[in-house]
Each structure stands twice: as C-alpha cells, then as structure tokens.
C-alpha cells in the first residue's frame, strides 16, 4: 500500500495537507532533511510546442489526452528506505511504502517511466508526447487512434496504473482538443496482448540504468509488477 503501519523509525518526518481545490487536499510528507543526500540528476522536459515542431504533426490530426492518477505511487520504495519516511498521526506511527510526494528525485524517475510509455505508443504507430503523468496521442485515422489507445490503456490498467478521468479527453481533430471528462475506463474484459506493457517496463529499467546511484554502479535494476524500487539511500532502482 501507499502508507503502512510502523513502529517508531530513526526519523519522524513532518506531514501536512496541501489544498488542490476547494474539495480536495493532498497528504504530503516533508522529506527536506533527506534532500542533501538524494541523487537527482538534472533533466529537461520537452515542451509541447517544441515536440510538435521537432516531430511534425498535422493540425487536423485526431488527439487524445491521458493522465495517470497518483502517479508517484507507482514507484515502490525499497524496503531499506521505508523507515526513513516514518511519521506520526496521534499515537500511531506510519511510513510510506511508495514514493512520497514532493521528494527531490521523484519527477526525474516518473519522467523516465513516462518517456518509455510514450516510446511504446510511438512503436504502435501513434504520435506521442509525455510530461510526467500526462500523455498526448495523435493519429490522422480516428479509428486507428481509438483502437491503439484502448489497448494501451488496458495494458496500463493491467499493470497496476490508474487513469485520472477528470483530465482524460476523447479524440478531437484539432490541436485545441477538448479537455472534457466524458471518458470512461474500458468496460470490456481485459485481454492479454502479444505486445503487452511488460516488455517496455524492462526497457524502462535498462534505460534508467543510465542514472545509477553512487553505490550501485554496474548492478542491474530489478523489474517486476511495476517494481522498480527507489532507494532513499542512493536513489537507486
């Protein structure tokens, strides 16, 4: 789970709520004390105007927007690091089993995963762009776009990911596509695809090895059911 019961750890981290809207708040663990010890290589995100310029896209192309929900919770914390995330609520001690929000290397590792998902979309014939937890997919044939995106979504759901439906849109034939909330999760039974999500999870692990920790150079990162472990000790997979 994201948060699990624990005994008192070596550190007690502050926790607080950050308002996202009038009705929603985000639970945040303050890991500022760990920041000087976290390896976070610098990286740049490709902005959408630049992506459209570099990889030409017809203004009439049909587009779909997808957004992953609770994106950092798809990154599992290494067991050796969980005690460093201990916090207290009343008399109960808890700790994070998944990546806490607002932690220094989190955007880099999520973007590595997002880039690999976008790479798989391109391999399936779509124009694709990724930004942390947002994806744009495009294709001049709306039927091709719909069928390919559906298979990709089924692969994502089967692999443990969830979609934020409020920020997911149906296909629209302009660059000013609709940001509506009319999309739904696939209702048909999930079927196993020959080219599923697991192969490019393996690709992600190999690619992320370009950013090894100071303590694990040359060690192959483990891959499993979304099991790329993040270690606070060395920012390792």
C-alpha atoms as a PDB file:
ATOM      1  CA  UNK A   1       0.000   0.000   0.000  1.00  0.00           C
ATOM      2  CA  UNK A   2       0.926   3.678  -0.164  1.00  0.00           C
ATOM      3  CA  UNK A   3       1.009   4.069   3.635  1.00  0.00           C
ATOM      4  CA  UNK A   4       1.552   1.240   6.122  1.00  0.00           C
ATOM      5  CA  UNK A   5       1.629   0.879   9.900  1.00  0.00           C
ATOM      6  CA  UNK A   6       5.056   1.015  11.506  1.00  0.00           C
ATOM      7  CA  UNK A   7       6.942   1.255  14.763  1.00  0.00           C
ATOM      8  CA  UNK A   8       8.917   4.381  15.555  1.00  0.00           C
ATOM      9  CA  UNK A   9      11.675   4.820  12.966  1.00  0.00           C
ATOM     10  CA  UNK A  10      15.037   6.598  13.085  1.00  0.00           C
ATOM     11  CA  UNK A  11      13.362   9.825  11.926  1.00  0.00           C
ATOM     12  CA  UNK A  12       9.962  11.399  12.388  1.00  0.00           C
ATOM     13  CA  UNK A  13       9.056  13.498   9.368  1.00  0.00           C
ATOM     14  CA  UNK A  14       6.557  16.374   9.421  1.00  0.00           C
ATOM     15  CA  UNK A  15       3.338  15.804   7.485  1.00  0.00           C
ATOM     16  CA  UNK A  16       0.764  18.299   6.266  1.00  0.00           C
ATOM     17  CA  UNK A  17      -2.113  18.748   3.821  1.00  0.00           C
ATOM     18  CA  UNK A  18      -1.851  20.863   0.671  1.00  0.00           C
ATOM     19  CA  UNK A  19      -5.091  22.113  -0.892  1.00  0.00           C
ATOM     20  CA  UNK A  20      -5.553  21.067  -4.523  1.00  0.00           C
ATOM     21  CA  UNK A  21      -9.022  22.550  -4.919  1.00  0.00           C
ATOM     22  CA  UNK A  22     -11.989  23.635  -2.859  1.00  0.00           C
ATOM     23  CA  UNK A  23     -12.836  19.994  -2.135  1.00  0.00           C
ATOM     24  CA  UNK A  24      -9.523  18.107  -2.418  1.00  0.00           C
ATOM     25  CA  UNK A  25      -6.266  18.075  -0.462  1.00  0.00           C
ATOM     26  CA  UNK A  26      -3.003  16.177  -0.882  1.00  0.00           C
ATOM     27  CA  UNK A  27      -1.224  14.471   2.008  1.00  0.00           C
ATOM     28  CA  UNK A  28       2.459  15.478   1.865  1.00  0.00           C
ATOM     29  CA  UNK A  29       5.453  14.068   3.715  1.00  0.00           C
ATOM     30  CA  UNK A  30       8.152  16.696   4.313  1.00  0.00           C
ATOM     31  CA  UNK A  31      11.431  14.987   3.335  1.00  0.00           C
ATOM     32  CA  UNK A  32      13.510  18.178   3.274  1.00  0.00           C
ATOM     33  CA  UNK A  33      16.017  16.744   5.763  1.00  0.00           C
ATOM     34  CA  UNK A  34      16.879  13.978   3.268  1.00  0.00           C
ATOM     35  CA  UNK A  35      17.276  16.262   0.241  1.00  0.00           C
ATOM     36  CA  UNK A  36      21.074  16.812   0.554  1.00  0.00           C
ATOM     37  CA  UNK A  37      21.586  13.037   0.383  1.00  0.00           C
ATOM     38  CA  UNK A  38      19.355  12.308  -2.614  1.00  0.00           C
ATOM     39  CA  UNK A  39      20.860  11.847  -6.060  1.00  0.00           C
ATOM     40  CA  UNK A  40      18.803  13.838  -8.575  1.00  0.00           C
ATOM     41  CA  UNK A  41      20.497  14.279 -11.984  1.00  0.00           C
ATOM     42  CA  UNK A  42      19.295  17.409 -13.818  1.00  0.00           C
ATOM     43  CA  UNK A  43      16.982  16.881 -16.771  1.00  0.00           C
ATOM     44  CA  UNK A  44      14.869  18.930 -19.150  1.00  0.00           C
ATOM     45  CA  UNK A  45      11.301  18.355 -20.203  1.00  0.00           C
ATOM     46  CA  UNK A  46      10.306  18.711 -23.845  1.00  0.00           C
ATOM     47  CA  UNK A  47       7.587  21.364 -24.060  1.00  0.00           C
ATOM     48  CA  UNK A  48       4.587  20.663 -26.287  1.00  0.00           C
ATOM     49  CA  UNK A  49       5.300  23.443 -28.871  1.00  0.00           C
ATOM     50  CA  UNK A  50       8.821  22.076 -29.251  1.00  0.00           C
ATOM     51  CA  UNK A  51       7.563  18.496 -29.570  1.00  0.00           C
ATOM     52  CA  UNK A  52       5.148  19.498 -32.343  1.00  0.00           C
ATOM     53  CA  UNK A  53       7.922  21.376 -34.178  1.00  0.00           C
ATOM     54  CA  UNK A  54      10.517  18.602 -33.952  1.00  0.00           C
ATOM     55  CA  UNK A  55       8.109  15.775 -34.759  1.00  0.00           C
ATOM     56  CA  UNK A  56       5.750  17.383 -37.270  1.00  0.00           C
ATOM     57  CA  UNK A  57       2.072  16.877 -36.587  1.00  0.00           C
ATOM     58  CA  UNK A  58      -0.803  17.748 -38.886  1.00  0.00           C
ATOM     59  CA  UNK A  59      -3.194  20.376 -37.457  1.00  0.00           C
ATOM     60  CA  UNK A  60      -6.039  18.022 -38.441  1.00  0.00           C
ATOM     61  CA  UNK A  61      -4.649  15.055 -36.504  1.00  0.00           C
ATOM     62  CA  UNK A  62      -7.013  13.477 -34.009  1.00  0.00           C
ATOM     63  CA  UNK A  63      -5.727  13.704 -30.447  1.00  0.00           C
ATOM     64  CA  UNK A  64      -6.377  12.048 -27.088  1.00  0.00           C
ATOM     65  CA  UNK A  65      -5.082  13.158 -23.695  1.00  0.00           C
ATOM     66  CA  UNK A  66      -4.419  10.679 -20.878  1.00  0.00           C
ATOM     67  CA  UNK A  67      -3.380  11.406 -17.308  1.00  0.00           C
ATOM     68  CA  UNK A  68      -2.190   8.836 -14.782  1.00  0.00           C
ATOM     69  CA  UNK A  69      -3.672   9.073 -11.279  1.00  0.00           C
ATOM     70  CA  UNK A  70      -1.482   9.090  -8.134  1.00  0.00           C
ATOM     71  CA  UNK A  71       1.489   8.847 -10.432  1.00  0.00           C
ATOM     72  CA  UNK A  72       4.305   8.742  -7.862  1.00  0.00           C
ATOM     73  CA  UNK A  73       2.522   5.929  -6.048  1.00  0.00           C
ATOM     74  CA  UNK A  74       3.502   3.662  -8.951  1.00  0.00           C
ATOM     75  CA  UNK A  75       7.113   3.838  -7.739  1.00  0.00           C
ATOM     76  CA  UNK A  76       7.731   1.447  -4.844  1.00  0.00           C
ATOM     77  CA  UNK A  77      10.140   2.422  -2.095  1.00  0.00           C
ATOM     78  CA  UNK A  78      12.949  -0.021  -1.415  1.00  0.00           C
ATOM     79  CA  UNK A  79      12.346  -1.792   1.944  1.00  0.00           C
ATOM     80  CA  UNK A  80      15.620  -0.399   3.286  1.00  0.00           C
ATOM     81  CA  UNK A  81      14.319   3.156   2.804  1.00  0.00           C
ATOM     82  CA  UNK A  82      10.845   2.948   4.281  1.00  0.00           C
ATOM     83  CA  UNK A  83      11.927   3.614   7.865  1.00  0.00           C
ATOM     84  CA  UNK A  84      13.269   6.979   6.695  1.00  0.00           C
ATOM     85  CA  UNK A  85       9.700   8.037   5.851  1.00  0.00           C
ATOM     86  CA  UNK A  86       8.225   7.385   9.315  1.00  0.00           C
ATOM     87  CA  UNK A  87       5.692   9.901  10.612  1.00  0.00           C
ATOM     88  CA  UNK A  88       3.214  10.039  13.478  1.00  0.00           C
ATOM     89  CA  UNK A  89      -0.505  10.759  13.465  1.00  0.00           C
ATOM     90  CA  UNK A  90      -1.784  10.930  17.031  1.00  0.00           C
ATOM     91  CA  UNK A  91      -0.317   7.873  18.754  1.00  0.00           C
ATOM     92  CA  UNK A  92       0.109   5.843  15.569  1.00  0.00           C
ATOM     93  CA  UNK A  93       3.360   5.513  13.654  1.00  0.00           C
ATOM     94  CA  UNK A  94       3.197   5.041   9.903  1.00  0.00           C
ATOM     95  CA  UNK A  95       5.557   5.031   6.935  1.00  0.00           C
ATOM     96  CA  UNK A  96       5.367   5.237   3.160  1.00  0.00           C
ATOM     97  CA  UNK A  97       5.627   2.099   1.029  1.00  0.00           C
ATOM     98  CA  UNK A  98       5.532   4.123  -2.198  1.00  0.00           C
ATOM     99  CA  UNK A  99       7.259   7.254  -3.422  1.00  0.00           C
ATOM    100  CA  UNK A 100       6.304  10.235  -1.201  1.00  0.00           C
ATOM    101  CA  UNK A 101       5.140  13.439  -2.877  1.00  0.00           C
ATOM    102  CA  UNK A 102       7.455  16.449  -3.091  1.00  0.00           C
ATOM    103  CA  UNK A 103      10.658  14.434  -2.910  1.00  0.00           C
ATOM    104  CA  UNK A 104      13.577  15.691  -4.943  1.00  0.00           C
ATOM    105  CA  UNK A 105      14.259  12.880  -7.476  1.00  0.00           C
ATOM    106  CA  UNK A 106      10.592  11.904  -7.990  1.00  0.00           C
ATOM    107  CA  UNK A 107       9.939  13.967 -11.173  1.00  0.00           C
ATOM    108  CA  UNK A 108      13.023  12.529 -12.895  1.00  0.00           C
ATOM    109  CA  UNK A 109      12.088   8.906 -12.252  1.00  0.00           C
ATOM    110  CA  UNK A 110       8.468   9.422 -13.227  1.00  0.00           C
ATOM    111  CA  UNK A 111       9.541  11.164 -16.430  1.00  0.00           C
ATOM    112  CA  UNK A 112      11.807   8.204 -17.246  1.00  0.00           C
ATOM    113  CA  UNK A 113       8.770   5.963 -16.970  1.00  0.00           C
ATOM    114  CA  UNK A 114       6.544   8.386 -18.909  1.00  0.00           C
ATOM    115  CA  UNK A 115       9.097   8.669 -21.717  1.00  0.00           C
ATOM    116  CA  UNK A 116       9.194   4.895 -22.036  1.00  0.00           C
ATOM    117  CA  UNK A 117       5.392   4.704 -22.169  1.00  0.00           C
ATOM    118  CA  UNK A 118       5.416   7.363 -24.922  1.00  0.00           C
ATOM    119  CA  UNK A 119       8.104   5.385 -26.759  1.00  0.00           C
ATOM    120  CA  UNK A 120       5.820   2.338 -26.739  1.00  0.00           C
ATOM    121  CA  UNK A 121       2.968   4.490 -28.083  1.00  0.00           C
ATOM    122  CA  UNK A 122       5.188   5.572 -30.970  1.00  0.00           C
ATOM    123  CA  UNK A 123       6.181   1.961 -31.612  1.00  0.00           C
ATOM    124  CA  UNK A 124       2.476   1.211 -32.034  1.00  0.00           C
ATOM    125  CA  UNK A 125       2.168   3.883 -34.722  1.00  0.00           C
ATOM    126  CA  UNK A 126       0.950   6.938 -32.786  1.00  0.00           C
ATOM    127  CA  UNK A 127       2.435  10.406 -32.411  1.00  0.00           C
ATOM    128  CA  UNK A 128       3.056  10.737 -28.683  1.00  0.00           C
ATOM    129  CA  UNK A 129       4.330  13.278 -26.141  1.00  0.00           C
ATOM    130  CA  UNK A 130       4.767  12.830 -22.396  1.00  0.00           C
ATOM    131  CA  UNK A 131       5.084  15.217 -19.451  1.00  0.00           C
ATOM    132  CA  UNK A 132       5.494  13.499 -16.032  1.00  0.00           C
ATOM    133  CA  UNK A 133       2.000  11.983 -15.817  1.00  0.00           C
ATOM    134  CA  UNK A 134       0.314  13.488 -18.906  1.00  0.00           C
ATOM    135  CA  UNK A 135       0.286  11.956 -22.380  1.00  0.00           C
ATOM    136  CA  UNK A 136      -0.899  13.211 -25.759  1.00  0.00           C
ATOM    137  CA  UNK A 137      -1.509  10.670 -28.524  1.00  0.00           C
ATOM    138  CA  UNK A 138      -2.355  11.610 -32.106  1.00  0.00           C
ATOM    139  CA  UNK A 139      -3.049   9.932 -35.443  1.00  0.00           C
ATOM    140  CA  UNK A 140      -4.795  11.057 -38.667  1.00  0.00           C
ATOM    141  CA  UNK A 141      -7.067   7.978 -38.565  1.00  0.00           C
ATOM    142  CA  UNK A 142      -9.515   8.241 -35.628  1.00  0.00           C
ATOM    143  CA  UNK A 143     -10.263   4.507 -35.699  1.00  0.00           C
ATOM    144  CA  UNK A 144      -6.563   3.631 -35.508  1.00  0.00           C
ATOM    145  CA  UNK A 145      -6.129   6.135 -32.674  1.00  0.00           C
ATOM    146  CA  UNK A 146      -9.111   4.793 -30.714  1.00  0.00           C
ATOM    147  CA  UNK A 147      -8.191   1.113 -31.032  1.00  0.00           C
ATOM    148  CA  UNK A 148      -4.497   1.636 -30.234  1.00  0.00           C
ATOM    149  CA  UNK A 149      -5.156   3.883 -27.229  1.00  0.00           C
ATOM    150  CA  UNK A 150      -7.686   1.387 -25.899  1.00  0.00           C
ATOM    151  CA  UNK A 151      -5.122  -1.427 -25.989  1.00  0.00           C
ATOM    152  CA  UNK A 152      -2.543   0.819 -24.320  1.00  0.00           C
ATOM    153  CA  UNK A 153      -4.992   1.775 -21.568  1.00  0.00           C
ATOM    154  CA  UNK A 154      -5.823  -1.894 -20.985  1.00  0.00           C
ATOM    155  CA  UNK A 155      -2.108  -2.653 -20.659  1.00  0.00           C
ATOM    156  CA  UNK A 156      -1.662   0.233 -18.213  1.00  0.00           C
ATOM    157  CA  UNK A 157      -4.619  -0.851 -16.066  1.00  0.00           C
ATOM    158  CA  UNK A 158      -3.449  -4.457 -16.049  1.00  0.00           C
ATOM    159  CA  UNK A 159      -0.010  -3.323 -14.910  1.00  0.00           C
ATOM    160  CA  UNK A 160      -1.374  -1.503 -11.876  1.00  0.00           C
ATOM    161  CA  UNK A 161      -1.799   2.043 -13.200  1.00  0.00           C
ATOM    162  CA  UNK A 162      -5.000   4.092 -12.932  1.00  0.00           C
ATOM    163  CA  UNK A 163      -6.314   6.967 -15.034  1.00  0.00           C
ATOM    164  CA  UNK A 164      -7.453  10.366 -13.801  1.00  0.00           C
ATOM    165  CA  UNK A 165     -10.727  10.507 -15.706  1.00  0.00           C
ATOM    166  CA  UNK A 166     -11.368  14.194 -14.982  1.00  0.00           C
ATOM    167  CA  UNK A 167      -8.273  15.081 -17.048  1.00  0.00           C
ATOM    168  CA  UNK A 168      -8.659  12.479 -19.785  1.00  0.00           C
ATOM    169  CA  UNK A 169     -10.227  13.527 -23.099  1.00  0.00           C
ATOM    170  CA  UNK A 170     -11.760  11.842 -26.093  1.00  0.00           C
ATOM    171  CA  UNK A 171     -10.368  12.258 -29.587  1.00  0.00           C
ATOM    172  CA  UNK A 172     -10.669  15.725 -31.101  1.00  0.00           C
ATOM    173  CA  UNK A 173      -9.487  16.709 -34.578  1.00  0.00           C
ATOM    174  CA  UNK A 174      -7.624  19.891 -33.655  1.00  0.00           C
ATOM    175  CA  UNK A 175      -4.638  20.930 -31.576  1.00  0.00           C
ATOM    176  CA  UNK A 176      -7.088  22.778 -29.335  1.00  0.00           C
ATOM    177  CA  UNK A 177      -8.622  19.473 -28.289  1.00  0.00           C
ATOM    178  CA  UNK A 178     -11.370  19.170 -25.699  1.00  0.00           C
ATOM    179  CA  UNK A 179     -10.415  18.684 -22.046  1.00  0.00           C
ATOM    180  CA  UNK A 180     -13.772  17.115 -21.239  1.00  0.00           C
ATOM    181  CA  UNK A 181     -14.426  14.489 -18.596  1.00  0.00           C
ATOM    182  CA  UNK A 182     -16.609  12.198 -20.671  1.00  0.00           C
ATOM    183  CA  UNK A 183     -14.081   9.383 -20.986  1.00  0.00           C
ATOM    184  CA  UNK A 184     -14.602   6.118 -19.171  1.00  0.00           C
ATOM    185  CA  UNK A 185     -12.466   3.166 -18.184  1.00  0.00           C
ATOM    186  CA  UNK A 186     -12.687   0.199 -20.617  1.00  0.00           C
ATOM    187  CA  UNK A 187     -15.750  -1.876 -19.760  1.00  0.00           C
ATOM    188  CA  UNK A 188     -14.839  -4.971 -21.776  1.00  0.00           C
ATOM    189  CA  UNK A 189     -12.812  -7.736 -20.089  1.00  0.00           C
ATOM    190  CA  UNK A 190      -9.096  -7.024 -20.204  1.00  0.00           C
ATOM    191  CA  UNK A 191      -7.455  -9.320 -22.726  1.00  0.00           C
ATOM    192  CA  UNK A 192      -3.815 -10.274 -22.895  1.00  0.00           C
ATOM    193  CA  UNK A 193      -1.961  -8.672 -25.816  1.00  0.00           C
ATOM    194  CA  UNK A 194       1.037 -10.138 -27.584  1.00  0.00           C
ATOM    195  CA  UNK A 195       2.841  -6.824 -27.185  1.00  0.00           C
ATOM    196  CA  UNK A 196       1.879  -6.002 -23.605  1.00  0.00           C
ATOM    197  CA  UNK A 197       3.198  -3.491 -21.109  1.00  0.00           C
ATOM    198  CA  UNK A 198       5.827  -5.728 -19.507  1.00  0.00           C
ATOM    199  CA  UNK A 199       8.368  -5.558 -22.397  1.00  0.00           C
ATOM    200  CA  UNK A 200       8.749  -1.819 -22.137  1.00  0.00           C
ATOM    201  CA  UNK A 201       8.875  -1.948 -18.344  1.00  0.00           C
ATOM    202  CA  UNK A 202      12.014  -3.994 -18.962  1.00  0.00           C
ATOM    203  CA  UNK A 203      13.109  -1.346 -21.471  1.00  0.00           C
ATOM    204  CA  UNK A 204      12.496   1.317 -18.820  1.00  0.00           C
ATOM    205  CA  UNK A 205      14.705  -0.477 -16.311  1.00  0.00           C
ATOM    206  CA  UNK A 206      17.541  -0.753 -18.805  1.00  0.00           C
ATOM    207  CA  UNK A 207      17.215   2.888 -19.786  1.00  0.00           C
ATOM    208  CA  UNK A 208      17.069   4.080 -16.184  1.00  0.00           C
ATOM    209  CA  UNK A 209      20.366   2.286 -15.588  1.00  0.00           C
ATOM    210  CA  UNK A 210      21.938   5.309 -17.307  1.00  0.00           C
ATOM    211  CA  UNK A 211      21.356   7.081 -13.976  1.00  0.00           C
ATOM    212  CA  UNK A 212      22.919   4.641 -11.465  1.00  0.00           C
ATOM    213  CA  UNK A 213      23.372   5.524  -7.836  1.00  0.00           C
ATOM    214  CA  UNK A 214      26.779   6.131  -6.350  1.00  0.00           C
ATOM    215  CA  UNK A 215      26.546   2.778  -4.586  1.00  0.00           C
ATOM    216  CA  UNK A 216      25.123   0.518  -7.266  1.00  0.00           C
ATOM    217  CA  UNK A 217      27.074   1.137 -10.464  1.00  0.00           C
ATOM    218  CA  UNK A 218      27.019  -1.892 -12.679  1.00  0.00           C
ATOM    219  CA  UNK A 219      24.137  -3.547 -10.809  1.00  0.00           C
ATOM    220  CA  UNK A 220      21.171  -4.472 -12.962  1.00  0.00           C
ATOM    221  CA  UNK A 221      17.928  -2.855 -11.726  1.00  0.00           C
ATOM    222  CA  UNK A 222      15.087  -5.234 -10.773  1.00  0.00           C
ATOM    223  CA  UNK A 223      11.848  -5.249 -12.761  1.00  0.00           C
ATOM    224  CA  UNK A 224       8.512  -6.829 -11.948  1.00  0.00           C
ATOM    225  CA  UNK A 225       4.950  -5.750 -11.305  1.00  0.00           C
ATOM    226  CA  UNK A 226       5.774  -2.057 -11.537  1.00  0.00           C
ATOM    227  CA  UNK A 227       8.598  -2.982  -9.141  1.00  0.00           C
ATOM    228  CA  UNK A 228      11.321  -0.504  -9.868  1.00  0.00           C
ATOM    229  CA  UNK A 229      12.486   0.102  -6.316  1.00  0.00           C
ATOM    230  CA  UNK A 230      13.584   3.570  -5.332  1.00  0.00           C
ATOM    231  CA  UNK A 231      16.103   3.808  -2.505  1.00  0.00           C
ATOM    232  CA  UNK A 232      16.452   6.983  -0.469  1.00  0.00           C
ATOM    233  CA  UNK A 233      19.966   5.906   0.455  1.00  0.00           C
ATOM    234  CA  UNK A 234      21.304   6.167  -3.080  1.00  0.00           C
ATOM    235  CA  UNK A 235      18.384   6.953  -5.385  1.00  0.00           C
ATOM    236  CA  UNK A 236      18.815   3.520  -6.893  1.00  0.00           C
ATOM    237  CA  UNK A 237      16.445   1.236  -8.767  1.00  0.00           C
END
